[in-house]
C-alpha cells in the first residue's frame, strides 16, 4: 500500500470536515473548493497552518457561490 502524501491527506481531511459540517452541500463542489484553496496556498512557508487556512478559504469560495447559509460562515 502506498502512503498518502501529507498534502493529499490534508486535502482529504479538510474536505471531509466541510462535508460533515455542511451535509446539504454538493460533495463535488466542496471538494473542488478545497482543491482550489489548496492550489492557492500550496506554496505557504508555514505548513502547520495550511489545514485551517484551506478550510477558511474553501468556506469563502463556497459562500461566494451562495452555497453556505449565512450563519455557517
Protein backbone atom coordinates (compact mmCIF):
# COMPACT_ATOMS: atom_id res chain seq x y z
CA UNK A 1 0.00 0.00 0.00
CA UNK A 2 1.33 3.43 -0.97
CA UNK A 3 1.28 6.06 1.76
CA UNK A 4 -0.79 9.15 1.04
CA UNK A 5 1.26 12.35 0.74
CA UNK A 6 0.90 14.90 3.52
CA UNK A 7 -0.81 17.39 1.19
CA UNK A 8 -3.25 14.80 -0.18
CA UNK A 9 -4.10 13.75 3.35
CA UNK A 10 -4.67 17.39 4.36
CA UNK A 11 -6.93 17.98 1.34
CA UNK A 12 -8.97 14.89 2.15
CA UNK A 13 -9.31 15.78 5.85
CA UNK A 14 -10.38 19.36 5.16
CA UNK A 15 -12.94 18.20 2.59
CA UNK A 16 -14.30 15.58 5.00
CA UNK A 17 -14.71 18.19 7.76
CA UNK A 18 -16.56 20.58 5.48
CA UNK A 19 -18.78 17.83 4.07
CA UNK A 20 -19.62 16.69 7.59
CA UNK A 21 -20.38 20.20 8.84
CA UNK A 22 -22.41 21.12 5.72
CA UNK A 23 -24.18 17.93 4.58
CA UNK A 24 -26.62 19.82 2.33
CA UNK A 25 -23.79 20.95 0.04
CA UNK A 26 -22.82 19.04 -3.07
CA UNK A 27 -19.79 16.86 -2.27
CA UNK A 28 -18.14 17.63 -5.60
CA UNK A 29 -18.49 21.36 -5.05
CA UNK A 30 -16.93 21.10 -1.60
CA UNK A 31 -14.04 19.02 -2.94
CA UNK A 32 -13.48 21.48 -5.79
CA UNK A 33 -13.44 24.40 -3.34
CA UNK A 34 -10.92 22.63 -1.10
CA UNK A 35 -8.73 21.80 -4.10
CA UNK A 36 -8.85 25.43 -5.24
CA UNK A 37 -7.94 26.58 -1.74
CA UNK A 38 -5.01 24.17 -1.72
CA UNK A 39 -3.79 25.39 -5.12
CA UNK A 40 -3.83 28.98 -3.83
CA UNK A 41 -1.96 28.10 -0.62
CA UNK A 42 0.28 25.22 -1.68
CA UNK A 43 3.49 27.24 -1.51
CA UNK A 44 2.87 28.57 2.00
CA UNK A 45 6.08 28.60 4.02
CA UNK A 46 4.48 27.69 7.35
CA UNK A 47 2.82 24.34 6.62
CA UNK A 48 1.34 23.82 10.08
CA UNK A 49 -1.38 26.41 9.33
CA UNK A 50 -2.26 25.00 5.91
CA UNK A 51 -5.34 22.99 7.02
CA UNK A 52 -7.04 25.89 8.81
CA UNK A 53 -6.21 28.35 6.04
CA UNK A 54 -7.51 25.92 3.41
CA UNK A 55 -10.74 25.37 5.32
CA UNK A 56 -11.33 29.11 5.70
CA UNK A 57 -10.60 29.76 2.02
CA UNK A 58 -12.83 26.89 0.89
CA UNK A 59 -15.66 28.28 3.04
CA UNK A 60 -15.13 31.69 1.44
CA UNK A 61 -15.32 30.13 -2.01
CA UNK A 62 -18.47 28.23 -1.10
CA UNK A 63 -20.15 31.28 0.43
CA UNK A 64 -19.26 33.41 -2.59
CA UNK A 65 -21.32 30.93 -4.62
CA UNK A 66 -24.13 31.47 -2.07
CA UNK A 67 -23.94 27.78 -1.20
CA UNK A 68 -23.49 28.21 2.55
CA UNK A 69 -26.30 29.56 4.70
CA UNK A 70 -25.40 32.98 6.16
CA UNK A 71 -24.90 31.73 9.73
CA UNK A 72 -22.44 28.97 8.76
CA UNK A 73 -19.55 31.10 7.50
